[in-house]
PDB file of N, CA and C in Angstrom:
ATOM      1  N   MET A   1      12.389   8.993   9.590  1.00  0.00           N
ATOM      2  CA  MET A   1      13.030   8.361   8.234  1.00  0.00           C
ATOM      3  C   MET A   1      12.214   6.575   7.758  1.00  0.00           C
ATOM      4  N   ILE A   2      13.016   6.454   6.508  1.00  0.00           N
ATOM      5  CA  ILE A   2      12.173   6.023   5.890  1.00  0.00           C
ATOM      6  C   ILE A   2      12.880   4.517   6.160  1.00  0.00           C
ATOM      7  N   ASN A   3      11.912   3.909   5.892  1.00  0.00           N
ATOM      8  CA  ASN A   3      12.352   2.116   6.056  1.00  0.00           C
ATOM      9  C   ASN A   3      12.200   1.388   5.247  1.00  0.00           C
ATOM     10  N   TRP A   4      13.253   1.417   3.903  1.00  0.00           N
ATOM     11  CA  TRP A   4      12.685   0.799   2.782  1.00  0.00           C
ATOM     12  C   TRP A   4      12.566  -0.662   2.539  1.00  0.00           C
ATOM     13  N   GLY A   5      12.839  -1.100   3.421  1.00  0.00           N
ATOM     14  CA  GLY A   5      13.245  -2.889   3.542  1.00  0.00           C
ATOM     15  C   GLY A   5      11.377  -2.516   3.562  1.00  0.00           C
ATOM     16  N   ALA A   6      11.127  -2.315   4.905  1.00  0.00           N
ATOM     17  CA  ALA A   6       9.683  -2.489   5.740  1.00  0.00           C
ATOM     18  C   ALA A   6       8.226  -2.016   4.326  1.00  0.00           C
ATOM     19  N   VAL A   7       8.814  -0.613   3.875  1.00  0.00           N
ATOM     20  CA  VAL A   7       7.774  -0.184   2.756  1.00  0.00           C
ATOM     21  C   VAL A   7       7.899  -1.453   1.834  1.00  0.00           C
ATOM     22  N   ILE A   8       8.183  -2.144   1.442  1.00  0.00           N
ATOM     23  CA  ILE A   8       8.702  -2.998   0.255  1.00  0.00           C
ATOM     24  C   ILE A   8       7.412  -4.522   0.446  1.00  0.00           C
ATOM     25  N   LEU A   9       7.898  -4.592   1.824  1.00  0.00           N
ATOM     26  CA  LEU A   9       7.238  -5.523   2.842  1.00  0.00           C
ATOM     27  C   LEU A   9       5.952  -6.005   3.166  1.00  0.00           C
ATOM     28  N   GLY A  10       5.862  -4.424   3.049  1.00  0.00           N
ATOM     29  CA  GLY A  10       4.159  -3.793   3.640  1.00  0.00           C
ATOM     30  C   GLY A  10       3.474  -3.669   2.577  1.00  0.00           C
ATOM     31  N   PHE A  11       4.139  -3.772   1.110  1.00  0.00           N
ATOM     32  CA  PHE A  11       3.506  -3.606  -0.478  1.00  0.00           C
ATOM     33  C   PHE A  11       2.930  -4.895  -0.747  1.00  0.00           C
ATOM     34  N   ILE A  12       3.964  -5.982  -0.621  1.00  0.00           N
ATOM     35  CA  ILE A  12       3.579  -6.832  -0.610  1.00  0.00           C
ATOM     36  C   ILE A  12       2.718  -7.921   0.594  1.00  0.00           C
ATOM     37  N   LEU A  13       2.595  -7.148   1.372  1.00  0.00           N
ATOM     38  CA  LEU A  13       1.612  -7.684   2.135  1.00  0.00           C
ATOM     39  C   LEU A  13       0.259  -7.365   2.170  1.00  0.00           C
ATOM     40  N   SER A  14       0.007  -5.840   1.585  1.00  0.00           N
ATOM     41  CA  SER A  14      -1.143  -5.369   1.035  1.00  0.00           C
ATOM     42  C   SER A  14      -1.490  -6.115   0.335  1.00  0.00           C
ATOM     43  N   ILE A  15      -0.879  -6.664  -0.484  1.00  0.00           N
ATOM     44  CA  ILE A  15      -1.498  -7.318  -2.271  1.00  0.00           C
ATOM     45  C   ILE A  15      -2.167  -8.965  -1.159  1.00  0.00           C
ATOM     46  N   ILE A  16      -1.238  -9.460  -0.927  1.00  0.00           N
ATOM     47  CA  ILE A  16      -1.529 -11.175  -0.206  1.00  0.00           C
ATOM     48  C   ILE A  16      -2.776 -10.784   0.546  1.00  0.00           C
ATOM     49  N   LEU A  17      -2.398  -9.968   1.449  1.00  0.00           N
ATOM     50  CA  LEU A  17      -3.668 -10.046   2.727  1.00  0.00           C
ATOM     51  C   LEU A  17      -4.619  -8.755   2.259  1.00  0.00           C
ATOM     52  N   GLY A  18      -4.759  -8.066   1.253  1.00  0.00           N
ATOM     53  CA  GLY A  18      -5.794  -7.688   0.936  1.00  0.00           C
ATOM     54  C   GLY A  18      -6.326  -8.499   0.239  1.00  0.00           C
ATOM     55  N   GLY A  19      -5.615  -9.460  -0.897  1.00  0.00           N
ATOM     56  CA  GLY A  19      -6.377 -10.273  -1.393  1.00  0.00           C
ATOM     57  C   GLY A  19      -7.384 -11.419  -0.659  1.00  0.00           C
ATOM     58  N   ILE A  20      -6.291 -12.158  -0.066  1.00  0.00           N
ATOM     59  CA  ILE A  20      -7.178 -13.308   0.283  1.00  0.00           C
ATOM     60  C   ILE A  20      -8.170 -12.549   1.457  1.00  0.00           C
ATOM     61  N   PHE A  21      -8.178 -11.104   2.793  1.00  0.00           N
ATOM     62  CA  PHE A  21      -8.221 -11.183   3.335  1.00  0.00           C
ATOM     63  C   PHE A  21     -10.398 -10.497   2.242  1.00  0.00           C
ATOM     64  N   ALA A  22     -10.516 -10.620   1.129  1.00  0.00           N
ATOM     65  CA  ALA A  22     -11.532  -9.799   0.393  1.00  0.00           C
ATOM     66  C   ALA A  22     -12.309 -10.724  -0.128  1.00  0.00           C
ATOM     67  N   VAL A  23     -11.461 -12.142   0.365  1.00  0.00           N
ATOM     68  CA  VAL A  23     -12.486 -13.736  -0.397  1.00  0.00           C
ATOM     69  C   VAL A  23     -12.810 -14.017   1.259  1.00  0.00           C
ATOM     70  N   ILE A  24     -12.352 -13.375   2.091  1.00  0.00           N
ATOM     71  CA  ILE A  24     -13.139 -14.759   3.319  1.00  0.00           C
ATOM     72  C   ILE A  24     -14.419 -13.758   3.582  1.00  0.00           C
ATOM     73  N   VAL A  25     -14.283 -12.033   3.760  1.00  0.00           N
ATOM     74  CA  VAL A  25     -15.514 -11.177   3.794  1.00  0.00           C
ATOM     75  C   VAL A  25     -15.058 -10.439   2.706  1.00  0.00           C
ATOM     76  N   PRO A  26     -15.884 -10.788   2.060  1.00  0.00           N
ATOM     77  CA  PRO A  26     -16.105  -9.693   0.455  1.00  0.00           C
ATOM     78  C   PRO A  26     -15.851  -8.184   1.038  1.00  0.00           C
ATOM     79  N   ILE A  27     -17.356  -7.915   1.648  1.00  0.00           N
ATOM     80  CA  ILE A  27     -16.992  -6.166   1.802  1.00  0.00           C
ATOM     81  C   ILE A  27     -15.725  -5.362   2.377  1.00  0.00           C
ATOM     82  N   TRP A  28     -15.516  -6.152   3.743  1.00  0.00           N
ATOM     83  CA  TRP A  28     -14.606  -5.017   4.253  1.00  0.00           C
ATOM     84  C   TRP A  28     -13.656  -5.867   4.499  1.00  0.00           C
ATOM     85  N   GLY A  29     -12.549  -6.869   3.756  1.00  0.00           N
ATOM     86  CA  GLY A  29     -11.998  -8.064   4.085  1.00  0.00           C
ATOM     87  C   GLY A  29     -10.977  -7.345   3.387  1.00  0.00           C
ATOM     88  N   GLY A  30     -10.669  -6.481   2.380  1.00  0.00           N
ATOM     89  CA  GLY A  30      -9.698  -6.227   1.630  1.00  0.00           C
ATOM     90  C   GLY A  30      -9.112  -5.214   2.376  1.00  0.00           C
ATOM     91  N   ILE A  31     -10.214  -4.183   3.183  1.00  0.00           N
ATOM     92  CA  ILE A  31      -9.467  -2.684   4.106  1.00  0.00           C
ATOM     93  C   ILE A  31      -8.887  -3.323   5.495  1.00  0.00           C
ATOM     94  N   LEU A  32      -9.593  -4.511   5.666  1.00  0.00           N
ATOM     95  CA  LEU A  32      -8.635  -5.046   6.558  1.00  0.00           C
ATOM     96  C   LEU A  32      -7.226  -5.962   6.695  1.00  0.00           C
ATOM     97  N   GLY A  33      -7.325  -6.176   5.530  1.00  0.00           N
ATOM     98  CA  GLY A  33      -5.876  -6.680   4.978  1.00  0.00           C
ATOM     99  C   GLY A  33      -5.213  -5.535   5.663  1.00  0.00           C
ATOM    100  N   LEU A  34      -5.668  -4.660   4.042  1.00  0.00           N
ATOM    101  CA  LEU A  34      -5.041  -3.295   4.010  1.00  0.00           C
ATOM    102  C   LEU A  34      -4.579  -2.530   5.678  1.00  0.00           C
ATOM    103  N   LEU A  35      -5.694  -2.389   6.447  1.00  0.00           N
ATOM    104  CA  LEU A  35      -4.966  -1.868   7.783  1.00  0.00           C
ATOM    105  C   LEU A  35      -3.766  -2.834   8.339  1.00  0.00           C
ATOM    106  N   LEU A  36      -3.683  -4.711   8.349  1.00  0.00           N
ATOM    107  CA  LEU A  36      -2.833  -5.094   8.609  1.00  0.00           C
ATOM    108  C   LEU A  36      -1.783  -5.161   8.501  1.00  0.00           C
ATOM    109  N   ALA A  37      -1.477  -4.820   6.866  1.00  0.00           N
ATOM    110  CA  ALA A  37      -0.523  -4.620   6.395  1.00  0.00           C
ATOM    111  C   ALA A  37       0.191  -3.391   6.607  1.00  0.00           C
ATOM    112  N   GLY A  38      -0.729  -2.629   6.836  1.00  0.00           N
ATOM    113  CA  GLY A  38      -0.161  -1.137   7.838  1.00  0.00           C
ATOM    114  C   GLY A  38       0.164  -0.735   8.892  1.00  0.00           C
ATOM    115  N   MET A  39       0.070  -1.878   9.894  1.00  0.00           N
ATOM    116  CA  MET A  39       0.232  -2.461  11.334  1.00  0.00           C
ATOM    117  C   MET A  39       1.986  -3.133  10.981  1.00  0.00           C
ATOM    118  N   ALA A  40       1.637  -3.738  10.010  1.00  0.00           N
ATOM    119  CA  ALA A  40       2.775  -4.345  10.280  1.00  0.00           C
ATOM    120  C   ALA A  40       4.195  -3.735   9.984  1.00  0.00           C
ATOM    121  N   VAL A  41       3.875  -2.914   8.570  1.00  0.00           N
ATOM    122  CA  VAL A  41       4.825  -1.770   8.420  1.00  0.00           C
ATOM    123  C   VAL A  41       5.139  -0.856   9.694  1.00  0.00           C
ATOM    124  N   GLY A  42       4.274  -0.196  10.533  1.00  0.00           N
ATOM    125  CA  GLY A  42       4.173   0.713  11.575  1.00  0.00           C
ATOM    126  C   GLY A  42       5.027   0.082  12.759  1.00  0.00           C
ATOM    127  N   TYR A  43       4.935  -1.658  12.499  1.00  0.00           N
ATOM    128  CA  TYR A  43       5.378  -2.215  13.909  1.00  0.00           C
ATOM    129  C   TYR A  43       7.125  -2.666  13.948  1.00  0.00           C
ATOM    130  N   MET A  44       7.386  -2.776  12.161  1.00  0.00           N
ATOM    131  CA  MET A  44       8.397  -3.373  11.976  1.00  0.00           C
ATOM    132  C   MET A  44       9.564  -1.668  12.229  1.00  0.00           C
ATOM    133  N   VAL A  45       8.672  -0.531  11.785  1.00  0.00           N
ATOM    134  CA  VAL A  45       9.349   0.658  11.415  1.00  0.00           C
ATOM    135  C   VAL A  45       9.624   0.931  13.318  1.00  0.00           C
ATOM    136  N   GLY A  46       8.998   0.824  13.983  1.00  0.00           N
ATOM    137  CA  GLY A  46       9.135   1.838  15.447  1.00  0.00           C
ATOM    138  C   GLY A  46       8.446   2.966  15.250  1.00  0.00           C
ATOM    139  N   GLY A  47       9.266   4.182  16.444  1.00  0.00           N
ATOM    140  CA  GLY A  47       9.225   4.890  16.449  1.00  0.00           C
ATOM    141  C   GLY A  47       7.975   5.975  16.574  1.00  0.00           C
ATOM    142  N   ASP A  48       7.796   7.021  16.387  1.00  0.00           N
ATOM    143  CA  ASP A  48       6.309   7.835  16.726  1.00  0.00           C
ATOM    144  C   ASP A  48       5.522   7.599  15.521  1.00  0.00           C
ATOM    145  N   ALA A  49       3.796   7.640  16.081  1.00  0.00           N
ATOM    146  CA  ALA A  49       2.676   7.269  14.930  1.00  0.00           C
ATOM    147  C   ALA A  49       3.360   8.403  13.848  1.00  0.00           C
ATOM    148  N   MET A  50       3.832   9.284  13.641  1.00  0.00           N
ATOM    149  CA  MET A  50       4.020   9.923  12.300  1.00  0.00           C
ATOM    150  C   MET A  50       5.431   8.719  11.445  1.00  0.00           C
ATOM    151  N   ASN A  51       6.503   8.605  12.053  1.00  0.00           N
ATOM    152  CA  ASN A  51       7.089   7.561  11.612  1.00  0.00           C
ATOM    153  C   ASN A  51       5.912   6.161  10.670  1.00  0.00           C
ATOM    154  N   GLY A  52       5.541   5.085  11.510  1.00  0.00           N
ATOM    155  CA  GLY A  52       4.836   4.852  11.148  1.00  0.00           C
ATOM    156  C   GLY A  52       3.161   5.630   9.862  1.00  0.00           C
ATOM    157  N   ALA A  53       3.232   6.080  10.270  1.00  0.00           N
ATOM    158  CA  ALA A  53       1.962   6.570   9.485  1.00  0.00           C
ATOM    159  C   ALA A  53       2.825   6.935   7.506  1.00  0.00           C
ATOM    160  N   THR A  54       3.921   7.495   8.517  1.00  0.00           N
ATOM    161  CA  THR A  54       4.955   7.709   7.026  1.00  0.00           C
ATOM    162  C   THR A  54       5.061   6.563   5.950  1.00  0.00           C
ATOM    163  N   ASN A  55       5.779   5.321   6.914  1.00  0.00           N
ATOM    164  CA  ASN A  55       6.402   4.275   6.354  1.00  0.00           C
ATOM    165  C   ASN A  55       5.070   3.479   5.824  1.00  0.00           C
ATOM    166  N   GLY A  56       4.081   3.858   6.252  1.00  0.00           N
ATOM    167  CA  GLY A  56       2.855   3.149   6.007  1.00  0.00           C
ATOM    168  C   GLY A  56       1.547   3.877   4.712  1.00  0.00           C
ATOM    169  N   ALA A  57       2.119   4.817   4.408  1.00  0.00           N
ATOM    170  CA  ALA A  57       1.129   5.561   3.244  1.00  0.00           C
ATOM    171  C   ALA A  57       2.269   5.273   1.903  1.00  0.00           C
ATOM    172  N   LEU A  58       3.065   5.010   2.504  1.00  0.00           N
ATOM    173  CA  LEU A  58       4.269   4.901   1.248  1.00  0.00           C
ATOM    174  C   LEU A  58       4.530   3.798   0.650  1.00  0.00           C
ATOM    175  N   ALA A  59       3.898   2.887   1.485  1.00  0.00           N
ATOM    176  CA  ALA A  59       3.683   1.023   1.088  1.00  0.00           C
ATOM    177  C   ALA A  59       2.471   1.168   0.472  1.00  0.00           C
ATOM    178  N   GLY A  60       1.627   2.309   0.892  1.00  0.00           N
ATOM    179  CA  GLY A  60       0.296   1.874  -0.152  1.00  0.00           C
ATOM    180  C   GLY A  60       0.643   2.342  -1.085  1.00  0.00           C
ATOM    181  N   ILE A  61       0.957   3.850  -1.584  1.00  0.00           N
ATOM    182  CA  ILE A  61       1.471   4.989  -2.158  1.00  0.00           C
ATOM    183  C   ILE A  61       2.486   3.645  -3.399  1.00  0.00           C
ATOM    184  N   PHE A  62       3.033   3.253  -2.737  1.00  0.00           N
ATOM    185  CA  PHE A  62       3.782   2.337  -4.140  1.00  0.00           C
ATOM    186  C   PHE A  62       3.149   1.501  -4.687  1.00  0.00           C
ATOM    187  N   GLY A  63       2.630   0.662  -4.161  1.00  0.00           N
ATOM    188  CA  GLY A  63       1.318  -0.410  -4.881  1.00  0.00           C
ATOM    189  C   GLY A  63       0.465   0.506  -5.694  1.00  0.00           C
ATOM    190  N   ALA A  64       0.222   1.709  -5.867  1.00  0.00           N
ATOM    191  CA  ALA A  64      -1.134   2.143  -7.022  1.00  0.00           C
ATOM    192  C   ALA A  64       0.126   2.240  -7.954  1.00  0.00           C
ATOM    193  N   ILE A  65       1.548   3.042  -7.941  1.00  0.00           N
ATOM    194  CA  ILE A  65       2.452   3.488  -8.843  1.00  0.00           C
ATOM    195  C   ILE A  65       2.561   1.881  -9.516  1.00  0.00           C
ATOM    196  N   VAL A  66       2.745   0.803  -9.176  1.00  0.00           N
ATOM    197  CA  VAL A  66       3.596  -0.428  -9.506  1.00  0.00           C
ATOM    198  C   VAL A  66       2.321  -0.864 -10.351  1.00  0.00           C
ATOM    199  N   LEU A  67       1.311  -0.650  -9.966  1.00  0.00           N
ATOM    200  CA  LEU A  67      -0.201  -1.171 -10.405  1.00  0.00           C
ATOM    201  C   LEU A  67      -0.256  -0.241 -11.188  1.00  0.00           C
ATOM    202  N   SER A  68      -0.424   0.421 -11.507  1.00  0.00           N
ATOM    203  CA  SER A  68      -0.273   1.820 -13.119  1.00  0.00           C
ATOM    204  C   SER A  68       0.430   1.586 -13.547  1.00  0.00           C
ATOM    205  N   LEU A  69       1.536   1.181 -13.562  1.00  0.00           N
ATOM    206  CA  LEU A  69       3.009   0.726 -14.390  1.00  0.00           C
ATOM    207  C   LEU A  69       2.104  -0.535 -14.966  1.00  0.00           C
ATOM    208  N   LEU A  70       2.228  -1.729 -14.232  1.00  0.00           N
ATOM    209  CA  LEU A  70       1.809  -2.477 -14.874  1.00  0.00           C
ATOM    210  C   LEU A  70       1.205  -2.366 -16.069  1.00  0.00           C
ATOM    211  N   LEU A  71      -0.492  -1.643 -15.923  1.00  0.00           N
ATOM    212  CA  LEU A  71      -1.423  -1.758 -16.368  1.00  0.00           C
ATOM    213  C   LEU A  71      -0.884  -0.595 -17.776  1.00  0.00           C
ATOM    214  N   LEU A  72      -0.290   0.455 -17.376  1.00  0.00           N
ATOM    215  CA  LEU A  72       0.112   0.912 -18.740  1.00  0.00           C
ATOM    216  C   LEU A  72       0.943  -0.095 -19.511  1.00  0.00           C
ATOM    217  N   ILE A  73       2.247  -0.780 -19.121  1.00  0.00           N
ATOM    218  CA  ILE A  73       2.785  -1.760 -20.359  1.00  0.00           C
ATOM    219  C   ILE A  73       2.073  -2.535 -20.941  1.00  0.00           C
ATOM    220  N   ALA A  74       1.287  -3.458 -19.871  1.00  0.00           N
ATOM    221  CA  ALA A  74       0.537  -4.547 -20.413  1.00  0.00           C
ATOM    222  C   ALA A  74      -1.246  -4.479 -21.024  1.00  0.00           C
ATOM    223  N   GLY A  75      -1.476  -2.913 -20.628  1.00  0.00           N
ATOM    224  CA  GLY A  75      -1.905  -1.888 -22.127  1.00  0.00           C
ATOM    225  C   GLY A  75      -1.594  -1.586 -23.684  1.00  0.00           C
ATOM    226  N   THR A  76      -0.208  -1.261 -23.258  1.00  0.00           N
ATOM    227  CA  THR A  76      -0.028  -1.437 -24.663  1.00  0.00           C
ATOM    228  C   THR A  76       0.772  -2.293 -25.642  1.00  0.00           C
ATOM    229  N   LEU A  77       1.399  -3.352 -24.402  1.00  0.00           N
ATOM    230  CA  LEU A  77       1.593  -4.305 -25.647  1.00  0.00           C
ATOM    231  C   LEU A  77       0.758  -5.007 -25.892  1.00  0.00           C
ATOM    232  N   ILE A  78      -0.297  -4.695 -25.472  1.00  0.00           N
ATOM    233  CA  ILE A  78      -1.136  -6.260 -26.544  1.00  0.00           C
ATOM    234  C   ILE A  78      -2.611  -5.340 -27.055  1.00  0.00           C
ATOM    235  N   LEU A  79      -2.678  -4.984 -26.801  1.00  0.00           N
ATOM    236  CA  LEU A  79      -3.649  -3.588 -27.951  1.00  0.00           C
ATOM    237  C   LEU A  79      -3.123  -1.974 -28.573  1.00  0.00           C
ATOM    238  N   GLY A  80      -1.198  -1.652 -27.982  1.00  0.00           N
ATOM    239  CA  GLY A  80      -0.919  -0.659 -29.182  1.00  0.00           C
ATOM    240  C   GLY A  80      -1.968   0.578 -28.296  1.00  0.00           C
ATOM    241  N   ILE A  81      -1.767   1.488 -29.310  1.00  0.00           N
ATOM    242  CA  ILE A  81      -1.704   2.996 -28.398  1.00  0.00           C
ATOM    243  C   ILE A  81      -3.251   2.972 -27.786  1.00  0.00           C
ATOM    244  N   ILE A  82      -4.335   2.060 -28.392  1.00  0.00           N
ATOM    245  CA  ILE A  82      -6.046   1.779 -27.426  1.00  0.00           C
ATOM    246  C   ILE A  82      -5.711   1.415 -26.385  1.00  0.00           C
ATOM    247  N   GLY A  83      -5.086   0.861 -26.010  1.00  0.00           N
ATOM    248  CA  GLY A  83      -4.423  -0.013 -25.012  1.00  0.00           C
ATOM    249  C   GLY A  83      -4.082   0.754 -24.181  1.00  0.00           C
ATOM    250  N   PHE A  84      -3.349   2.055 -24.669  1.00  0.00           N
ATOM    251  CA  PHE A  84      -2.129   2.508 -23.825  1.00  0.00           C
ATOM    252  C   PHE A  84      -3.313   3.801 -23.496  1.00  0.00           C
ATOM    253  N   ALA A  85      -3.633   4.690 -24.394  1.00  0.00           N
ATOM    254  CA  ALA A  85      -5.191   5.570 -23.696  1.00  0.00           C
ATOM    255  C   ALA A  85      -5.990   5.003 -22.847  1.00  0.00           C
ATOM    256  N   ALA A  86      -6.544   3.748 -22.806  1.00  0.00           N
ATOM    257  CA  ALA A  86      -6.953   2.785 -21.807  1.00  0.00           C
ATOM    258  C   ALA A  86      -7.375   2.766 -20.678  1.00  0.00           C
ATOM    259  N   ALA A  87      -5.504   2.025 -20.841  1.00  0.00           N
ATOM    260  CA  ALA A  87      -4.562   2.022 -19.699  1.00  0.00           C
ATOM    261  C   ALA A  87      -4.359   3.449 -18.516  1.00  0.00           C
ATOM    262  N   SER A  88      -3.918   4.535 -19.442  1.00  0.00           N
ATOM    263  CA  SER A  88      -4.277   5.736 -18.725  1.00  0.00           C
ATOM    264  C   SER A  88      -5.084   6.460 -17.984  1.00  0.00           C
ATOM    265  N   ILE A  89      -6.413   6.330 -18.543  1.00  0.00           N
ATOM    266  CA  ILE A  89      -7.417   6.664 -17.770  1.00  0.00           C
ATOM    267  C   ILE A  89      -7.722   5.713 -16.999  1.00  0.00           C
ATOM    268  N   THR A  90      -7.620   4.295 -16.772  1.00  0.00           N
ATOM    269  CA  THR A  90      -7.562   3.548 -15.987  1.00  0.00           C
ATOM    270  C   THR A  90      -6.859   3.444 -14.681  1.00  0.00           C
ATOM    271  N   SER A  91      -5.335   4.098 -14.712  1.00  0.00           N
ATOM    272  CA  SER A  91      -4.486   3.989 -14.065  1.00  0.00           C
ATOM    273  C   SER A  91      -4.461   5.730 -12.901  1.00  0.00           C
ATOM    274  N   LEU A  92      -5.461   6.547 -13.695  1.00  0.00           N
ATOM    275  CA  LEU A  92      -6.275   7.628 -13.068  1.00  0.00           C
ATOM    276  C   LEU A  92      -6.713   7.638 -12.242  1.00  0.00           C
ATOM    277  N   PHE A  93      -7.642   6.921 -12.074  1.00  0.00           N
ATOM    278  CA  PHE A  93      -8.645   6.078 -11.650  1.00  0.00           C
ATOM    279  C   PHE A  93      -7.915   5.620 -10.736  1.00  0.00           C
ATOM    280  N   ILE A  94      -7.257   4.188 -10.275  1.00  0.00           N
ATOM    281  CA  ILE A  94      -6.432   3.699  -9.884  1.00  0.00           C
ATOM    282  C   ILE A  94      -5.375   4.185  -8.819  1.00  0.00           C
ATOM    283  N   LEU A  95      -4.927   5.750  -9.455  1.00  0.00           N
ATOM    284  CA  LEU A  95      -4.283   6.153  -8.834  1.00  0.00           C
ATOM    285  C   LEU A  95      -5.095   7.067  -7.156  1.00  0.00           C
ATOM    286  N   ALA A  96      -6.349   7.692  -8.155  1.00  0.00           N
ATOM    287  CA  ALA A  96      -6.837   8.198  -7.292  1.00  0.00           C
ATOM    288  C   ALA A  96      -8.050   7.497  -6.164  1.00  0.00           C
ATOM    289  N   GLY A  97      -7.798   5.745  -6.405  1.00  0.00           N
ATOM    290  CA  GLY A  97      -8.422   5.226  -5.517  1.00  0.00           C
ATOM    291  C   GLY A  97      -7.620   4.734  -4.260  1.00  0.00           C
ATOM    292  N   PHE A  98      -6.108   4.888  -4.653  1.00  0.00           N
ATOM    293  CA  PHE A  98      -4.777   4.214  -3.735  1.00  0.00           C
ATOM    294  C   PHE A  98      -4.718   5.835  -2.594  1.00  0.00           C
ATOM    295  N   VAL A  99      -4.986   6.906  -3.576  1.00  0.00           N
ATOM    296  CA  VAL A  99      -5.191   7.645  -2.070  1.00  0.00           C
ATOM    297  C   VAL A  99      -6.043   7.018  -1.154  1.00  0.00           C
ATOM    298  N   GLY A 100      -7.098   6.265  -0.736  1.00  0.00           N
ATOM    299  CA  GLY A 100      -7.731   6.024   0.133  1.00  0.00           C
ATOM    300  C   GLY A 100      -6.969   5.015   0.723  1.00  0.00           C
ATOM    301  N   VAL A 101      -6.188   3.823  -0.112  1.00  0.00           N
ATOM    302  CA  VAL A 101      -5.798   2.796   0.180  1.00  0.00           C
ATOM    303  C   VAL A 101      -3.985   3.674   1.107  1.00  0.00           C
ATOM    304  N   MET A 102      -3.630   4.354   1.058  1.00  0.00           N
ATOM    305  CA  MET A 102      -3.009   5.239   1.718  1.00  0.00           C
ATOM    306  C   MET A 102      -3.200   5.834   2.873  1.00  0.00           C
ATOM    307  N   ILE A 103      -4.407   6.270   2.737  1.00  0.00           N
ATOM    308  CA  ILE A 103      -4.963   6.456   4.363  1.00  0.00           C
ATOM    309  C   ILE A 103      -5.100   5.720   4.797  1.00  0.00           C
ATOM    310  N   ILE A 104      -5.482   4.358   4.420  1.00  0.00           N
ATOM    311  CA  ILE A 104      -5.855   3.312   5.454  1.00  0.00           C
ATOM    312  C   ILE A 104      -4.245   2.765   5.849  1.00  0.00           C
ATOM    313  N   MET A 105      -3.123   2.159   5.193  1.00  0.00           N
ATOM    314  CA  MET A 105      -2.248   1.515   5.340  1.00  0.00           C
ATOM    315  C   MET A 105      -1.812   3.149   6.757  1.00  0.00           C
ATOM    316  N   ALA A 106      -1.454   4.474   6.150  1.00  0.00           N
ATOM    317  CA  ALA A 106      -1.089   4.821   7.311  1.00  0.00           C
ATOM    318  C   ALA A 106      -1.600   5.392   8.046  1.00  0.00           C
ATOM    319  N   VAL A 107      -3.080   4.922   8.527  1.00  0.00           N
ATOM    320  CA  VAL A 107      -3.819   4.987   9.814  1.00  0.00           C
ATOM    321  C   VAL A 107      -2.706   3.159  10.513  1.00  0.00           C
ATOM    322  N   GLY A 108      -2.812   1.933   9.470  1.00  0.00           N
ATOM    323  CA  GLY A 108      -2.511   0.752  10.488  1.00  0.00           C
ATOM    324  C   GLY A 108      -0.993   1.097  10.527  1.00  0.00           C
ATOM    325  N   GLY A 109      -0.063   2.134   9.899  1.00  0.00           N
ATOM    326  CA  GLY A 109       1.097   2.421  10.389  1.00  0.00           C
ATOM    327  C   GLY A 109       1.082   3.080  12.201  1.00  0.00           C
ATOM    328  N   ILE A 110      -0.124   3.748  11.873  1.00  0.00           N
ATOM    329  CA  ILE A 110       0.015   4.499  12.927  1.00  0.00           C
ATOM    330  C   ILE A 110      -0.108   3.493  14.510  1.00  0.00           C
ATOM    331  N   ILE A 111      -0.849   3.085  14.498  1.00  0.00           N
ATOM    332  CA  ILE A 111      -1.383   1.794  15.220  1.00  0.00           C
ATOM    333  C   ILE A 111      -0.369   0.543  15.519  1.00  0.00           C
ATOM    334  N   GLY A 112       0.614   0.411  14.200  1.00  0.00           N
ATOM    335  CA  GLY A 112       1.636  -0.736  14.420  1.00  0.00           C
ATOM    336  C   GLY A 112       2.716   0.062  15.334  1.00  0.00           C
ATOM    337  N   ALA A 113       2.933   1.581  15.357  1.00  0.00           N
ATOM    338  CA  ALA A 113       3.805   2.115  16.058  1.00  0.00           C
ATOM    339  C   ALA A 113       3.563   2.168  17.518  1.00  0.00           C
ATOM    340  N   LEU A 114       2.721   3.011  17.580  1.00  0.00           N
ATOM    341  CA  LEU A 114       2.295   2.951  19.018  1.00  0.00           C
ATOM    342  C   LEU A 114       1.975   1.269  19.720  1.00  0.00           C
ATOM    343  N   ILE A 115       1.741   0.525  19.449  1.00  0.00           N
ATOM    344  CA  ILE A 115       1.746  -0.785  19.813  1.00  0.00           C
ATOM    345  C   ILE A 115       3.582  -1.000  19.766  1.00  0.00           C
ATOM    346  N   LYS A 116       3.980  -0.615  19.388  1.00  0.00           N
ATOM    347  CA  LYS A 116       5.113  -1.329  19.069  1.00  0.00           C
ATOM    348  C   LYS A 116       6.257  -0.277  20.391  1.00  0.00           C
ATOM    349  N   ASP A 117       5.673   0.897  20.403  1.00  0.00           N
ATOM    350  CA  ASP A 117       5.939   1.737  21.418  1.00  0.00           C
ATOM    351  C   ASP A 117       7.174   1.974  21.447  1.00  0.00           C
ATOM    352  N   GLU A 118       8.286   1.608  21.138  1.00  0.00           N
ATOM    353  CA  GLU A 118      10.053   1.457  21.451  1.00  0.00           C
ATOM    354  C   GLU A 118      10.538   2.900  20.577  1.00  0.00           C
ATOM    355  N   PRO A 119      11.168   3.699  20.897  1.00  0.00           N
ATOM    356  CA  PRO A 119      11.935   4.747  19.717  1.00  0.00           C
ATOM    357  C   PRO A 119      12.734   4.493  18.930  1.00  0.00           C
ATOM    358  N   GLU A 120      12.555   4.913  17.859  1.00  0.00           N
ATOM    359  CA  GLU A 120      12.854   4.236  16.254  1.00  0.00           C
ATOM    360  C   GLU A 120      14.712   3.740  16.464  1.00  0.00           C
ATOM    361  N   VAL A 121      15.262   2.883  15.867  1.00  0.00           N
ATOM    362  CA  VAL A 121      16.992   2.983  15.241  1.00  0.00           C
ATOM    363  C   VAL A 121      17.405   3.877  14.437  1.00  0.00           C
ATOM    364  N   VAL A 122      18.234   4.362  14.785  1.00  0.00           N
ATOM    365  CA  VAL A 122      18.751   5.677  13.732  1.00  0.00           C
ATOM    366  C   VAL A 122      19.883   4.715  13.169  1.00  0.00           C
ATOM    367  N   GLY A 123      20.155   4.122  11.672  1.00  0.00           N
ATOM    368  CA  GLY A 123      21.263   3.857  11.597  1.00  0.00           C
ATOM    369  C   GLY A 123      21.558   2.902  10.201  1.00  0.00           C
TER     370      GLY A 123
END
């Protein structure tokens, strides 16, 4: 079951923690921040590992979609059709890169759900 509150919080945490840890530990910090955000999502939703992975992955892909849309809007507003074309190409690369983010956050979601280790509350 998808917990949209946890997904949105995970998206926000991925931006904040990913940015903070990327500055502190330049090479692996961003990945660590994403993993911790995924763990927070998995811990919030509980249930089994699949539930944590699903919610964590949704938080990761939500970030990719929002970032791509913002890029398309900004590129079009600033440079018109040329900006739209450039932002479209860049968005494709961002979405491809966020498949990795989705996987990292899904793994974090699994870990978080296993740490909580209690059944999911339906309702």
